[in-house]
Each structure stands twice: as structure tokens, then as C-alpha cells.
Amino acid sequence: MRRLAIVLALAAMLPRAAHAQRAITVRADNDAFNFWQLPWSRPDEEYTSGVRLNVAVDGTAFWARRFQPLLGACPGAESPCAAHAYGFGQDIYTAVRLRDVPTALPGGRPDAGVLWVSGSTRVERLATLTELSWTIGTTGKPSLAEPMQRFFHSLGPSWNRPITWGRQVPAEPVFAAAWDRRTLAALGALELQPHAGASIGTLLTEVRAGAGVRLGAGLSHPWRPQVRERIASVAFVGDATVRGVARNEVLSGAFFRGGPSVPLRPVVTELEGGIRLRWRSVEAAWVAHQTSAEYTSRHSAHAWSTLEASWRPPRRSSP
């Protein structure tokens, strides 16, 4: 909390220039947020936990200027549409275990953790959003996944099963680069957002495509803050994505050394549905996810959920 307070204070000190955009997002992923299930019935396996902090500001990132042709230019008649962001987070993946049995079942995925930092740069037009991003991090014990999971399990021992980490993806540096594009089409009160992208690297190599939907009242633009926005909004959101996966570090195992791994399923689907609420510059969201089986020895989907809070002030008009 102390570090988060420092980040918020630094963000508030960013120059208040015309059109300046500052956005801070805090997000937590966990199957403990599957509120439609009883607490003791919620799964504690597969992608079981993730936390991340993201800070975004206006302008093209310095490292991305030579890649600008991949993003395109901002139309001169529009207000500035280039933005960049940096993030920090941790993801935890847990092997399948029987209830009240601390050791993992044989034949399943290994335990794994990733501690990472990321950067992205984007061009935000009214009808399209194009983004380049990179992620670097580490797996294994330096990811701090095992002690972090033990700590949170100790907070609710009556609901959380004991965990003894065994086979886990060993420590090594990981990286990935990604390109993503999203378009916006309005169908009456319904917004449709087709999207596609690709990632390459030791952390993740895949192609993906899908479509998101948004329906609500008082909606602002999904990625471009406007000069005038309604005080409050409520939106129901959904998404369906198909991924063609060639490599996933937390399943395929270490790239530069030996270690546990499982054979991947080449096609994975993910469904999302949730609600987003906004009051002035503050937004909160809950989104449920269902990911299909990602490796050959698993045959059922996995459900997990997201809690998110963000602060994004409306764009200021020119003096």
C-alpha cells in the first residue's frame, strides 16, 4: 500500500498540460472472485492469481518512435491520440490438487509464477486502437509466487486448501513482444469491438482474434477520454477470443534449461462477461472469465474473475 501511494502521488504530479491524460489502473485476478460459487467451492488451480498496476500518459513512448509505421499517425484534425503506459505485476499458476491434499496430481501442469514489467505505446483513433507492447520478467523462485500464495492462503485457512509447491517452472528470464488492433462499431445502443493480435517470445507466442461487446447507459468512449463526459455510466461487457498458441512458458516449460512441462492444446478459447461502473473519473469493474483447457491432459474449462479500479480524468480542452 505504501508503494501504491507513492505511485499515485507521482502520477498526480505529472504536468497538467493541455490534453494531458493520466490514467492509473489497479487490477487483481483470482478464482476467489467467482462470486457465483460458495467460497469453499471456488477452484484454486490453473491461473489462480494475478495482480498488476498500470500507469498511462499521453504521447508516444521514446522506445517506439522507430516502430511508428506499425501504429500509423494521428489525424491532424483530432486532438492528440498517442499514449503510452508502463505496468508491473505478478501471475501465479497452480497445479491441480485434490481437496485437502497439498501435493499436485501427477500428469498435470507444473506450478509456476511470473514477475514482470511491461511497456506499451498506442494510437487511439475514434474508430480504431492500435498498440505495440513488450513484457520482460522472470519465472521460478525469483517470481515470489510460492511465498505470495502461502501468505494469502494463511489469511483464510478455513476456505483455502494447504499448498505444497513441487514441480515448478524453474527460474529464467522471459520476454514477449505483442501487436494488437481493436476497432469500434456502433449498432444502436450496442457497441461491437472486433480485435486481433499476436505475441512472440519465450513467455508467449500466439495469434488471437475475437470480438467484444458493450451495452449500457451514459457510456464514454472506450479508449479515448473526451472533453465532456457524463457524470456516471454503467456498462455490461462481454468478449469471446480464440487463441492459436505455439508456446506458453508456464506450460511449455523453461526455454533455456530443462524443467517440467505439459503438451499444449494449439487452440484455446476464452469467454468474458461482467459489469463496469464509472463515477466521474473513477471506474470499477468485475469481469468473469472462462478459459478452455490449455494442455492435453486437462479436459475441462477453468473459471476465474477480475476486480479492477482505475482513475482516468476527462480530457481537458485547449486553452
C-alpha atoms as a PDB file:
ATOM      1  CA  MET A   1       0.000   0.000   0.000  1.00  0.00           C
ATOM      2  CA  ARG A   2       2.892   2.363   0.721  1.00  0.00           C
ATOM      3  CA  ARG A   3       4.342   1.772  -2.743  1.00  0.00           C
ATOM      4  CA  LEU A   4       0.940   2.249  -4.343  1.00  0.00           C
ATOM      5  CA  ALA A   5       0.515   5.563  -2.511  1.00  0.00           C
ATOM      6  CA  ILE A   6       3.895   6.733  -3.852  1.00  0.00           C
ATOM      7  CA  VAL A   7       2.891   5.813  -7.419  1.00  0.00           C
ATOM      8  CA  LEU A   8      -0.421   7.672  -7.088  1.00  0.00           C
ATOM      9  CA  ALA A   9       1.352  10.754  -5.734  1.00  0.00           C
ATOM     10  CA  LEU A  10       3.869  10.769  -8.578  1.00  0.00           C
ATOM     11  CA  ALA A  11       1.089  10.391 -11.151  1.00  0.00           C
ATOM     12  CA  ALA A  12      -0.758  13.346  -9.653  1.00  0.00           C
ATOM     13  CA  MET A  13       2.376  15.475 -10.115  1.00  0.00           C
ATOM     14  CA  LEU A  14       2.516  14.883 -13.877  1.00  0.00           C
ATOM     15  CA  PRO A  15       2.337  18.150 -15.848  1.00  0.00           C
ATOM     16  CA  ARG A  16      -1.198  19.437 -16.299  1.00  0.00           C
ATOM     17  CA  ALA A  17      -0.633  20.453 -19.902  1.00  0.00           C
ATOM     18  CA  ALA A  18      -3.466  20.870 -22.364  1.00  0.00           C
ATOM     19  CA  HIS A  19      -4.859  17.473 -23.398  1.00  0.00           C
ATOM     20  CA  ALA A  20      -2.759  15.751 -20.683  1.00  0.00           C
ATOM     21  CA  GLN A  21      -4.129  12.317 -19.930  1.00  0.00           C
ATOM     22  CA  ARG A  22      -3.169  10.412 -16.831  1.00  0.00           C
ATOM     23  CA  ALA A  23      -4.641   7.003 -16.040  1.00  0.00           C
ATOM     24  CA  ILE A  24      -3.884   4.638 -13.187  1.00  0.00           C
ATOM     25  CA  THR A  25      -5.317   1.122 -13.098  1.00  0.00           C
ATOM     26  CA  VAL A  26      -5.048  -1.467 -10.327  1.00  0.00           C
ATOM     27  CA  ARG A  27      -6.248  -4.977 -11.162  1.00  0.00           C
ATOM     28  CA  ALA A  28      -6.482  -8.295  -9.324  1.00  0.00           C
ATOM     29  CA  ASP A  29      -7.309 -11.655 -10.930  1.00  0.00           C
ATOM     30  CA  ASN A  30      -8.316 -14.593  -8.741  1.00  0.00           C
ATOM     31  CA  ASP A  31     -10.656 -17.560  -8.795  1.00  0.00           C
ATOM     32  CA  ALA A  32     -11.630 -16.445  -5.271  1.00  0.00           C
ATOM     33  CA  PHE A  33     -13.648 -13.695  -7.019  1.00  0.00           C
ATOM     34  CA  ASN A  34     -16.014 -16.248  -8.595  1.00  0.00           C
ATOM     35  CA  PHE A  35     -18.870 -14.854  -6.518  1.00  0.00           C
ATOM     36  CA  TRP A  36     -21.490 -17.158  -8.010  1.00  0.00           C
ATOM     37  CA  GLN A  37     -19.773 -20.076  -6.201  1.00  0.00           C
ATOM     38  CA  LEU A  38     -19.628 -20.797  -2.482  1.00  0.00           C
ATOM     39  CA  PRO A  39     -16.240 -19.716  -1.052  1.00  0.00           C
ATOM     40  CA  TRP A  40     -15.125 -23.270  -0.271  1.00  0.00           C
ATOM     41  CA  SER A  41     -16.185 -24.471  -3.742  1.00  0.00           C
ATOM     42  CA  ARG A  42     -14.141 -21.988  -5.752  1.00  0.00           C
ATOM     43  CA  PRO A  43     -11.254 -23.581  -7.687  1.00  0.00           C
ATOM     44  CA  ASP A  44      -7.671 -22.962  -6.664  1.00  0.00           C
ATOM     45  CA  GLU A  45      -5.870 -24.213  -9.739  1.00  0.00           C
ATOM     46  CA  GLU A  46      -4.637 -23.215 -13.214  1.00  0.00           C
ATOM     47  CA  TYR A  47      -4.374 -19.393 -13.427  1.00  0.00           C
ATOM     48  CA  THR A  48      -5.202 -18.801  -9.787  1.00  0.00           C
ATOM     49  CA  SER A  49      -3.958 -15.267  -9.061  1.00  0.00           C
ATOM     50  CA  GLY A  50      -2.624 -12.150 -10.717  1.00  0.00           C
ATOM     51  CA  VAL A  51      -2.014  -8.567  -9.594  1.00  0.00           C
ATOM     52  CA  ARG A  52      -0.955  -5.602 -11.716  1.00  0.00           C
ATOM     53  CA  LEU A  53      -0.515  -1.845 -11.651  1.00  0.00           C
ATOM     54  CA  ASN A  54      -0.574   0.218 -14.854  1.00  0.00           C
ATOM     55  CA  VAL A  55       0.179   3.942 -15.315  1.00  0.00           C
ATOM     56  CA  ALA A  56      -0.571   5.634 -18.662  1.00  0.00           C
ATOM     57  CA  VAL A  57       0.215   9.115 -20.018  1.00  0.00           C
ATOM     58  CA  ASP A  58      -0.138  10.977 -23.326  1.00  0.00           C
ATOM     59  CA  GLY A  59       2.477  10.794 -26.058  1.00  0.00           C
ATOM     60  CA  THR A  60       4.438   8.175 -27.967  1.00  0.00           C
ATOM     61  CA  ALA A  61       6.946   6.157 -25.933  1.00  0.00           C
ATOM     62  CA  PHE A  62      10.571   7.069 -26.709  1.00  0.00           C
ATOM     63  CA  TRP A  63      11.452   3.448 -27.470  1.00  0.00           C
ATOM     64  CA  ALA A  64       8.612   3.131 -30.016  1.00  0.00           C
ATOM     65  CA  ARG A  65       9.336   6.043 -32.358  1.00  0.00           C
ATOM     66  CA  ARG A  66      11.086   3.880 -34.932  1.00  0.00           C
ATOM     67  CA  PHE A  67       8.092   1.494 -34.908  1.00  0.00           C
ATOM     68  CA  GLN A  68       5.561   4.255 -35.601  1.00  0.00           C
ATOM     69  CA  PRO A  69       4.687   2.921 -39.104  1.00  0.00           C
ATOM     70  CA  LEU A  70       3.208  -0.163 -37.401  1.00  0.00           C
ATOM     71  CA  LEU A  71       0.816   2.099 -35.489  1.00  0.00           C
ATOM     72  CA  GLY A  72       0.041   4.838 -38.003  1.00  0.00           C
ATOM     73  CA  ALA A  73      -0.147   8.580 -37.444  1.00  0.00           C
ATOM     74  CA  CYS A  74      -2.706  10.593 -35.522  1.00  0.00           C
ATOM     75  CA  PRO A  75      -5.063  12.536 -37.834  1.00  0.00           C
ATOM     76  CA  GLY A  76      -4.159  16.222 -37.705  1.00  0.00           C
ATOM     77  CA  ALA A  77      -7.738  17.335 -37.145  1.00  0.00           C
ATOM     78  CA  GLU A  78      -8.106  15.286 -33.988  1.00  0.00           C
ATOM     79  CA  SER A  79      -6.779  16.018 -30.521  1.00  0.00           C
ATOM     80  CA  PRO A  80      -3.584  14.106 -29.593  1.00  0.00           C
ATOM     81  CA  CYS A  81      -4.220  10.390 -29.822  1.00  0.00           C
ATOM     82  CA  ALA A  82      -0.831   8.863 -28.944  1.00  0.00           C
ATOM     83  CA  ALA A  83      -0.408   7.379 -25.473  1.00  0.00           C
ATOM     84  CA  HIS A  84       1.956   5.036 -23.689  1.00  0.00           C
ATOM     85  CA  ALA A  85       1.920   3.074 -20.444  1.00  0.00           C
ATOM     86  CA  TYR A  86       4.088   1.035 -18.092  1.00  0.00           C
ATOM     87  CA  GLY A  87       2.967  -1.819 -15.889  1.00  0.00           C
ATOM     88  CA  PHE A  88       4.204  -4.098 -13.124  1.00  0.00           C
ATOM     89  CA  GLY A  89       2.663  -7.347 -11.944  1.00  0.00           C
ATOM     90  CA  GLN A  90       2.820 -10.951 -10.823  1.00  0.00           C
ATOM     91  CA  ASP A  91       0.940 -14.015 -12.139  1.00  0.00           C
ATOM     92  CA  ILE A  92       0.574 -17.320 -10.265  1.00  0.00           C
ATOM     93  CA  TYR A  93      -0.370 -20.681 -11.807  1.00  0.00           C
ATOM     94  CA  THR A  94      -1.152 -23.699  -9.631  1.00  0.00           C
ATOM     95  CA  ALA A  95      -1.203 -27.405 -10.464  1.00  0.00           C
ATOM     96  CA  VAL A  96      -4.396 -29.380  -9.862  1.00  0.00           C
ATOM     97  CA  ARG A  97      -4.719 -30.877  -6.378  1.00  0.00           C
ATOM     98  CA  LEU A  98      -7.400 -32.877  -4.653  1.00  0.00           C
ATOM     99  CA  ARG A  99      -9.173 -31.085  -1.822  1.00  0.00           C
ATOM    100  CA  ASP A 100      -7.198 -31.272   1.450  1.00  0.00           C
ATOM    101  CA  VAL A 101      -4.235 -32.848  -0.398  1.00  0.00           C
ATOM    102  CA  PRO A 102      -1.301 -30.391  -0.557  1.00  0.00           C
ATOM    103  CA  THR A 103       0.640 -32.155  -3.339  1.00  0.00           C
ATOM    104  CA  ALA A 104      -0.173 -31.909  -7.030  1.00  0.00           C
ATOM    105  CA  LEU A 105      -1.744 -34.709  -9.041  1.00  0.00           C
ATOM    106  CA  PRO A 106       0.621 -36.435 -11.497  1.00  0.00           C
ATOM    107  CA  GLY A 107       0.325 -35.591 -15.186  1.00  0.00           C
ATOM    108  CA  GLY A 108      -0.939 -32.050 -14.652  1.00  0.00           C
ATOM    109  CA  ARG A 109       0.600 -28.668 -15.238  1.00  0.00           C
ATOM    110  CA  PRO A 110       3.580 -27.535 -13.151  1.00  0.00           C
ATOM    111  CA  ASP A 111       3.280 -24.803 -10.540  1.00  0.00           C
ATOM    112  CA  ALA A 112       4.583 -21.540 -11.947  1.00  0.00           C
ATOM    113  CA  GLY A 113       4.938 -17.844 -11.292  1.00  0.00           C
ATOM    114  CA  VAL A 114       5.937 -14.834 -13.392  1.00  0.00           C
ATOM    115  CA  LEU A 115       7.077 -11.477 -12.011  1.00  0.00           C
ATOM    116  CA  TRP A 116       7.097  -8.958 -14.853  1.00  0.00           C
ATOM    117  CA  VAL A 117       7.251  -5.373 -16.063  1.00  0.00           C
ATOM    118  CA  SER A 118       5.722  -4.148 -19.320  1.00  0.00           C
ATOM    119  CA  GLY A 119       5.590  -1.156 -21.617  1.00  0.00           C
ATOM    120  CA  SER A 120       3.166  -0.236 -24.367  1.00  0.00           C
ATOM    121  CA  THR A 121       2.541   2.515 -26.887  1.00  0.00           C
ATOM    122  CA  ARG A 122      -0.696   3.071 -28.775  1.00  0.00           C
ATOM    123  CA  VAL A 123      -2.509   5.221 -31.290  1.00  0.00           C
ATOM    124  CA  GLU A 124      -6.103   5.914 -30.256  1.00  0.00           C
ATOM    125  CA  ARG A 125      -8.352   6.953 -33.118  1.00  0.00           C
ATOM    126  CA  LEU A 126     -12.101   7.307 -32.741  1.00  0.00           C
ATOM    127  CA  ALA A 127     -12.765   4.026 -34.578  1.00  0.00           C
ATOM    128  CA  THR A 128      -9.526   2.081 -34.059  1.00  0.00           C
ATOM    129  CA  LEU A 129      -6.980   1.351 -31.345  1.00  0.00           C
ATOM    130  CA  THR A 130      -3.536   0.004 -32.317  1.00  0.00           C
ATOM    131  CA  GLU A 131      -0.966  -0.977 -29.697  1.00  0.00           C
ATOM    132  CA  LEU A 132       2.599  -2.269 -29.506  1.00  0.00           C
ATOM    133  CA  SER A 133       3.814  -3.719 -26.202  1.00  0.00           C
ATOM    134  CA  TRP A 134       6.629  -5.640 -24.580  1.00  0.00           C
ATOM    135  CA  THR A 135       6.960  -7.672 -21.389  1.00  0.00           C
ATOM    136  CA  ILE A 136      10.077  -8.848 -19.580  1.00  0.00           C
ATOM    137  CA  GLY A 137      10.237 -10.795 -16.342  1.00  0.00           C
ATOM    138  CA  THR A 138      11.356 -13.902 -14.516  1.00  0.00           C
ATOM    139  CA  THR A 139       9.911 -17.271 -13.592  1.00  0.00           C
ATOM    140  CA  GLY A 140      10.787 -19.632 -10.753  1.00  0.00           C
ATOM    141  CA  LYS A 141      11.619 -18.642  -7.186  1.00  0.00           C
ATOM    142  CA  PRO A 142      12.574 -15.043  -8.093  1.00  0.00           C
ATOM    143  CA  SER A 143       8.933 -14.528  -9.138  1.00  0.00           C
ATOM    144  CA  LEU A 144       7.965 -14.815  -5.422  1.00  0.00           C
ATOM    145  CA  ALA A 145       4.839 -16.757  -6.434  1.00  0.00           C
ATOM    146  CA  GLU A 146       5.200 -19.504  -3.818  1.00  0.00           C
ATOM    147  CA  PRO A 147       5.577 -17.255  -0.736  1.00  0.00           C
ATOM    148  CA  MET A 148       2.863 -14.920  -2.029  1.00  0.00           C
ATOM    149  CA  GLN A 149       0.370 -17.765  -2.402  1.00  0.00           C
ATOM    150  CA  ARG A 150       1.235 -19.176   1.023  1.00  0.00           C
ATOM    151  CA  PHE A 151       0.711 -15.741   2.577  1.00  0.00           C
ATOM    152  CA  PHE A 152      -2.770 -15.284   1.123  1.00  0.00           C
ATOM    153  CA  HIS A 153      -3.769 -18.841   1.992  1.00  0.00           C
ATOM    154  CA  SER A 154      -2.776 -18.158   5.598  1.00  0.00           C
ATOM    155  CA  LEU A 155      -5.316 -15.298   5.707  1.00  0.00           C
ATOM    156  CA  GLY A 156      -8.265 -17.669   5.189  1.00  0.00           C
ATOM    157  CA  PRO A 157      -7.200 -21.161   6.236  1.00  0.00           C
ATOM    158  CA  SER A 158     -10.797 -22.379   6.625  1.00  0.00           C
ATOM    159  CA  TRP A 159     -11.507 -21.634   2.940  1.00  0.00           C
ATOM    160  CA  ASN A 160      -8.101 -22.208   1.330  1.00  0.00           C
ATOM    161  CA  ARG A 161      -6.551 -25.622   0.969  1.00  0.00           C
ATOM    162  CA  PRO A 162      -2.905 -26.050   2.074  1.00  0.00           C
ATOM    163  CA  ILE A 163      -0.386 -25.827  -0.764  1.00  0.00           C
ATOM    164  CA  THR A 164       2.975 -27.557  -1.078  1.00  0.00           C
ATOM    165  CA  TRP A 165       4.743 -26.434  -4.206  1.00  0.00           C
ATOM    166  CA  GLY A 166       6.540 -29.230  -6.006  1.00  0.00           C
ATOM    167  CA  ARG A 167       7.383 -29.312  -9.711  1.00  0.00           C
ATOM    168  CA  GLN A 168       7.581 -25.735 -10.888  1.00  0.00           C
ATOM    169  CA  VAL A 169       8.904 -23.925 -13.927  1.00  0.00           C
ATOM    170  CA  PRO A 170      12.490 -23.019 -12.940  1.00  0.00           C
ATOM    171  CA  ALA A 171      13.946 -19.527 -12.809  1.00  0.00           C
ATOM    172  CA  GLU A 172      14.886 -17.916 -16.100  1.00  0.00           C
ATOM    173  CA  PRO A 173      14.361 -14.548 -17.822  1.00  0.00           C
ATOM    174  CA  VAL A 174      11.300 -14.331 -20.074  1.00  0.00           C
ATOM    175  CA  PHE A 175      10.216 -11.830 -22.700  1.00  0.00           C
ATOM    176  CA  ALA A 176       7.496 -11.224 -25.280  1.00  0.00           C
ATOM    177  CA  ALA A 177       6.512  -8.550 -27.799  1.00  0.00           C
ATOM    178  CA  ALA A 178       2.932  -8.020 -28.966  1.00  0.00           C
ATOM    179  CA  TRP A 179       0.861  -6.148 -31.556  1.00  0.00           C
ATOM    180  CA  ASP A 180      -2.896  -5.673 -31.102  1.00  0.00           C
ATOM    181  CA  ARG A 181      -5.611  -3.833 -33.003  1.00  0.00           C
ATOM    182  CA  ARG A 182      -9.217  -3.154 -31.993  1.00  0.00           C
ATOM    183  CA  THR A 183     -11.984  -1.467 -33.982  1.00  0.00           C
ATOM    184  CA  LEU A 184     -15.232   0.102 -32.818  1.00  0.00           C
ATOM    185  CA  ALA A 185     -18.642  -0.196 -34.471  1.00  0.00           C
ATOM    186  CA  ALA A 186     -21.918   1.096 -33.022  1.00  0.00           C
ATOM    187  CA  LEU A 187     -25.072  -0.923 -33.616  1.00  0.00           C
ATOM    188  CA  GLY A 188     -27.706   1.253 -31.987  1.00  0.00           C
ATOM    189  CA  ALA A 189     -27.220   1.034 -28.219  1.00  0.00           C
ATOM    190  CA  LEU A 190     -24.771  -1.848 -28.660  1.00  0.00           C
ATOM    191  CA  GLU A 191     -21.037  -1.411 -29.298  1.00  0.00           C
ATOM    192  CA  LEU A 192     -19.144  -4.127 -31.162  1.00  0.00           C
ATOM    193  CA  GLN A 193     -15.340  -4.286 -30.870  1.00  0.00           C
ATOM    194  CA  PRO A 194     -13.627  -6.834 -33.158  1.00  0.00           C
ATOM    195  CA  HIS A 195      -9.965  -7.325 -32.279  1.00  0.00           C
ATOM    196  CA  ALA A 196      -6.907  -9.277 -33.373  1.00  0.00           C
ATOM    197  CA  GLY A 197      -3.289  -9.545 -32.323  1.00  0.00           C
ATOM    198  CA  ALA A 198      -0.150 -11.623 -31.975  1.00  0.00           C
ATOM    199  CA  SER A 199       2.637 -12.181 -29.448  1.00  0.00           C
ATOM    200  CA  ILE A 200       6.124 -13.593 -29.940  1.00  0.00           C
ATOM    201  CA  GLY A 201       8.712 -14.503 -27.316  1.00  0.00           C
ATOM    202  CA  THR A 202       9.722 -17.094 -24.761  1.00  0.00           C
ATOM    203  CA  LEU A 203       6.918 -16.019 -22.422  1.00  0.00           C
ATOM    204  CA  LEU A 204       4.135 -16.312 -25.013  1.00  0.00           C
ATOM    205  CA  THR A 205       3.924 -16.974 -28.749  1.00  0.00           C
ATOM    206  CA  GLU A 206       0.410 -16.936 -30.191  1.00  0.00           C
ATOM    207  CA  VAL A 207      -2.059 -15.339 -32.598  1.00  0.00           C
ATOM    208  CA  ARG A 208      -5.533 -14.292 -31.421  1.00  0.00           C
ATOM    209  CA  ALA A 209      -8.802 -12.899 -32.704  1.00  0.00           C
ATOM    210  CA  GLY A 210     -12.168 -12.157 -31.194  1.00  0.00           C
ATOM    211  CA  ALA A 211     -14.897  -9.633 -30.569  1.00  0.00           C
ATOM    212  CA  GLY A 212     -16.043  -7.640 -27.561  1.00  0.00           C
ATOM    213  CA  VAL A 213     -19.425  -6.076 -26.883  1.00  0.00           C
ATOM    214  CA  ARG A 214     -20.566  -3.245 -24.616  1.00  0.00           C
ATOM    215  CA  LEU A 215     -24.091  -2.175 -23.708  1.00  0.00           C
ATOM    216  CA  GLY A 216     -25.025   0.463 -21.151  1.00  0.00           C
ATOM    217  CA  ALA A 217     -26.088   3.981 -20.245  1.00  0.00           C
ATOM    218  CA  GLY A 218     -24.034   7.185 -20.108  1.00  0.00           C
ATOM    219  CA  LEU A 219     -21.140   5.497 -21.888  1.00  0.00           C
ATOM    220  CA  SER A 220     -17.966   7.409 -22.647  1.00  0.00           C
ATOM    221  CA  HIS A 221     -15.627   6.430 -25.461  1.00  0.00           C
ATOM    222  CA  PRO A 222     -13.996   3.075 -24.583  1.00  0.00           C
ATOM    223  CA  TRP A 223     -10.416   4.268 -25.042  1.00  0.00           C
ATOM    224  CA  ARG A 224     -10.403   7.990 -25.849  1.00  0.00           C
ATOM    225  CA  PRO A 225     -11.259  10.326 -22.927  1.00  0.00           C
ATOM    226  CA  GLN A 226     -13.441  13.197 -24.066  1.00  0.00           C
ATOM    227  CA  VAL A 227     -13.599  16.842 -23.009  1.00  0.00           C
ATOM    228  CA  ARG A 228     -17.180  16.411 -21.767  1.00  0.00           C
ATOM    229  CA  GLU A 229     -18.431  13.140 -20.317  1.00  0.00           C
ATOM    230  CA  ARG A 230     -21.499  12.237 -18.339  1.00  0.00           C
ATOM    231  CA  ILE A 231     -21.074  12.092 -14.572  1.00  0.00           C
ATOM    232  CA  ALA A 232     -21.855   8.385 -14.285  1.00  0.00           C
ATOM    233  CA  SER A 233     -22.163   5.337 -16.504  1.00  0.00           C
ATOM    234  CA  VAL A 234     -22.908   1.642 -16.260  1.00  0.00           C
ATOM    235  CA  ALA A 235     -21.900  -0.893 -18.905  1.00  0.00           C
ATOM    236  CA  PHE A 236     -22.351  -4.613 -19.356  1.00  0.00           C
ATOM    237  CA  VAL A 237     -19.360  -6.038 -21.221  1.00  0.00           C
ATOM    238  CA  GLY A 238     -18.544  -9.306 -22.907  1.00  0.00           C
ATOM    239  CA  ASP A 239     -15.846 -10.807 -25.095  1.00  0.00           C
ATOM    240  CA  ALA A 240     -15.043 -14.023 -26.965  1.00  0.00           C
ATOM    241  CA  THR A 241     -11.464 -14.735 -28.090  1.00  0.00           C
ATOM    242  CA  VAL A 242      -9.831 -17.632 -29.939  1.00  0.00           C
ATOM    243  CA  ARG A 243      -6.073 -18.098 -29.499  1.00  0.00           C
ATOM    244  CA  GLY A 244      -3.678 -20.183 -31.567  1.00  0.00           C
ATOM    245  CA  VAL A 245      -0.862 -20.980 -29.127  1.00  0.00           C
ATOM    246  CA  ALA A 246       2.641 -22.110 -30.118  1.00  0.00           C
ATOM    247  CA  ARG A 247       4.406 -21.507 -26.785  1.00  0.00           C
ATOM    248  CA  ASN A 248       3.377 -20.596 -23.243  1.00  0.00           C
ATOM    249  CA  GLU A 249       6.258 -20.516 -20.727  1.00  0.00           C
ATOM    250  CA  VAL A 250       4.185 -21.587 -17.724  1.00  0.00           C
ATOM    251  CA  LEU A 251       3.016 -24.712 -19.612  1.00  0.00           C
ATOM    252  CA  SER A 252       5.743 -25.373 -22.207  1.00  0.00           C
ATOM    253  CA  GLY A 253       8.439 -25.105 -19.537  1.00  0.00           C
ATOM    254  CA  ALA A 254      11.709 -23.210 -19.461  1.00  0.00           C
ATOM    255  CA  PHE A 255      13.183 -22.196 -22.824  1.00  0.00           C
ATOM    256  CA  PHE A 256      16.866 -22.107 -21.892  1.00  0.00           C
ATOM    257  CA  ARG A 257      17.001 -25.044 -19.447  1.00  0.00           C
ATOM    258  CA  GLY A 258      15.236 -28.255 -18.520  1.00  0.00           C
ATOM    259  CA  GLY A 259      12.193 -28.492 -16.298  1.00  0.00           C
ATOM    260  CA  PRO A 260       8.605 -29.707 -16.052  1.00  0.00           C
ATOM    261  CA  SER A 261       6.183 -29.083 -18.910  1.00  0.00           C
ATOM    262  CA  VAL A 262       2.942 -30.350 -20.454  1.00  0.00           C
ATOM    263  CA  PRO A 263       1.895 -30.627 -24.136  1.00  0.00           C
ATOM    264  CA  LEU A 264      -0.122 -27.608 -25.274  1.00  0.00           C
ATOM    265  CA  ARG A 265      -3.510 -27.590 -26.929  1.00  0.00           C
ATOM    266  CA  PRO A 266      -2.977 -25.475 -30.068  1.00  0.00           C
ATOM    267  CA  VAL A 267      -6.384 -23.765 -29.875  1.00  0.00           C
ATOM    268  CA  VAL A 268      -7.698 -22.121 -26.696  1.00  0.00           C
ATOM    269  CA  THR A 269     -10.874 -20.080 -26.249  1.00  0.00           C
ATOM    270  CA  GLU A 270     -11.728 -17.511 -23.610  1.00  0.00           C
ATOM    271  CA  LEU A 271     -15.120 -16.028 -22.754  1.00  0.00           C
ATOM    272  CA  GLU A 272     -15.668 -12.915 -20.618  1.00  0.00           C
ATOM    273  CA  GLY A 273     -18.665 -11.190 -19.116  1.00  0.00           C
ATOM    274  CA  GLY A 274     -19.025  -8.521 -16.461  1.00  0.00           C
ATOM    275  CA  ILE A 275     -20.018  -5.021 -15.452  1.00  0.00           C
ATOM    276  CA  ARG A 276     -18.166  -1.693 -15.382  1.00  0.00           C
ATOM    277  CA  LEU A 277     -19.309   1.269 -13.276  1.00  0.00           C
ATOM    278  CA  ARG A 278     -17.974   4.828 -13.577  1.00  0.00           C
ATOM    279  CA  TRP A 279     -18.472   7.884 -11.382  1.00  0.00           C
ATOM    280  CA  ARG A 280     -16.730  10.954 -12.764  1.00  0.00           C
ATOM    281  CA  SER A 281     -13.061   9.932 -13.141  1.00  0.00           C
ATOM    282  CA  VAL A 282     -13.206   6.693 -11.121  1.00  0.00           C
ATOM    283  CA  GLU A 283     -14.186   3.350 -12.630  1.00  0.00           C
ATOM    284  CA  ALA A 284     -14.672  -0.072 -11.028  1.00  0.00           C
ATOM    285  CA  ALA A 285     -15.242  -3.398 -12.763  1.00  0.00           C
ATOM    286  CA  TRP A 286     -15.925  -7.058 -12.118  1.00  0.00           C
ATOM    287  CA  VAL A 287     -15.411  -9.455 -15.019  1.00  0.00           C
ATOM    288  CA  ALA A 288     -15.747 -13.252 -15.057  1.00  0.00           C
ATOM    289  CA  HIS A 289     -13.568 -15.323 -17.409  1.00  0.00           C
ATOM    290  CA  GLN A 290     -13.750 -18.897 -18.642  1.00  0.00           C
ATOM    291  CA  THR A 291     -10.654 -20.349 -20.295  1.00  0.00           C
ATOM    292  CA  SER A 292     -10.867 -23.669 -22.131  1.00  0.00           C
ATOM    293  CA  ALA A 293      -8.399 -26.475 -21.424  1.00  0.00           C
ATOM    294  CA  GLU A 294      -4.897 -25.271 -22.325  1.00  0.00           C
ATOM    295  CA  TYR A 295      -2.990 -28.585 -22.290  1.00  0.00           C
ATOM    296  CA  THR A 296      -3.765 -32.114 -23.422  1.00  0.00           C
ATOM    297  CA  SER A 297      -4.094 -33.785 -20.009  1.00  0.00           C
ATOM    298  CA  ARG A 298      -6.811 -31.327 -18.955  1.00  0.00           C
ATOM    299  CA  HIS A 299     -10.302 -31.666 -20.419  1.00  0.00           C
ATOM    300  CA  SER A 300     -12.383 -29.034 -18.623  1.00  0.00           C
ATOM    301  CA  ALA A 301     -12.507 -25.239 -18.711  1.00  0.00           C
ATOM    302  CA  HIS A 302     -11.301 -23.061 -15.842  1.00  0.00           C
ATOM    303  CA  ALA A 303     -13.190 -20.065 -14.415  1.00  0.00           C
ATOM    304  CA  TRP A 304     -11.585 -17.041 -12.766  1.00  0.00           C
ATOM    305  CA  SER A 305     -12.563 -13.411 -12.227  1.00  0.00           C
ATOM    306  CA  THR A 306     -11.166  -9.885 -12.213  1.00  0.00           C
ATOM    307  CA  LEU A 307     -11.641  -6.929  -9.864  1.00  0.00           C
ATOM    308  CA  GLU A 308     -10.363  -3.642 -11.275  1.00  0.00           C
ATOM    309  CA  ALA A 309     -10.258   0.008 -10.239  1.00  0.00           C
ATOM    310  CA  SER A 310      -8.991   2.894 -12.351  1.00  0.00           C
ATOM    311  CA  TRP A 311      -8.706   6.670 -12.318  1.00  0.00           C
ATOM    312  CA  ARG A 312      -8.920   8.411 -15.698  1.00  0.00           C
ATOM    313  CA  PRO A 313      -9.779  12.128 -15.708  1.00  0.00           C
ATOM    314  CA  PRO A 314     -11.617  13.542 -18.729  1.00  0.00           C
ATOM    315  CA  ARG A 315      -9.513  15.185 -21.392  1.00  0.00           C
ATOM    316  CA  ARG A 316      -9.062  18.914 -20.827  1.00  0.00           C
ATOM    317  CA  SER A 317      -9.927  21.372 -23.562  1.00  0.00           C
ATOM    318  CA  SER A 318      -7.275  23.564 -25.154  1.00  0.00           C
ATOM    319  CA  PRO A 319      -6.665  26.978 -23.514  1.00  0.00           C
END
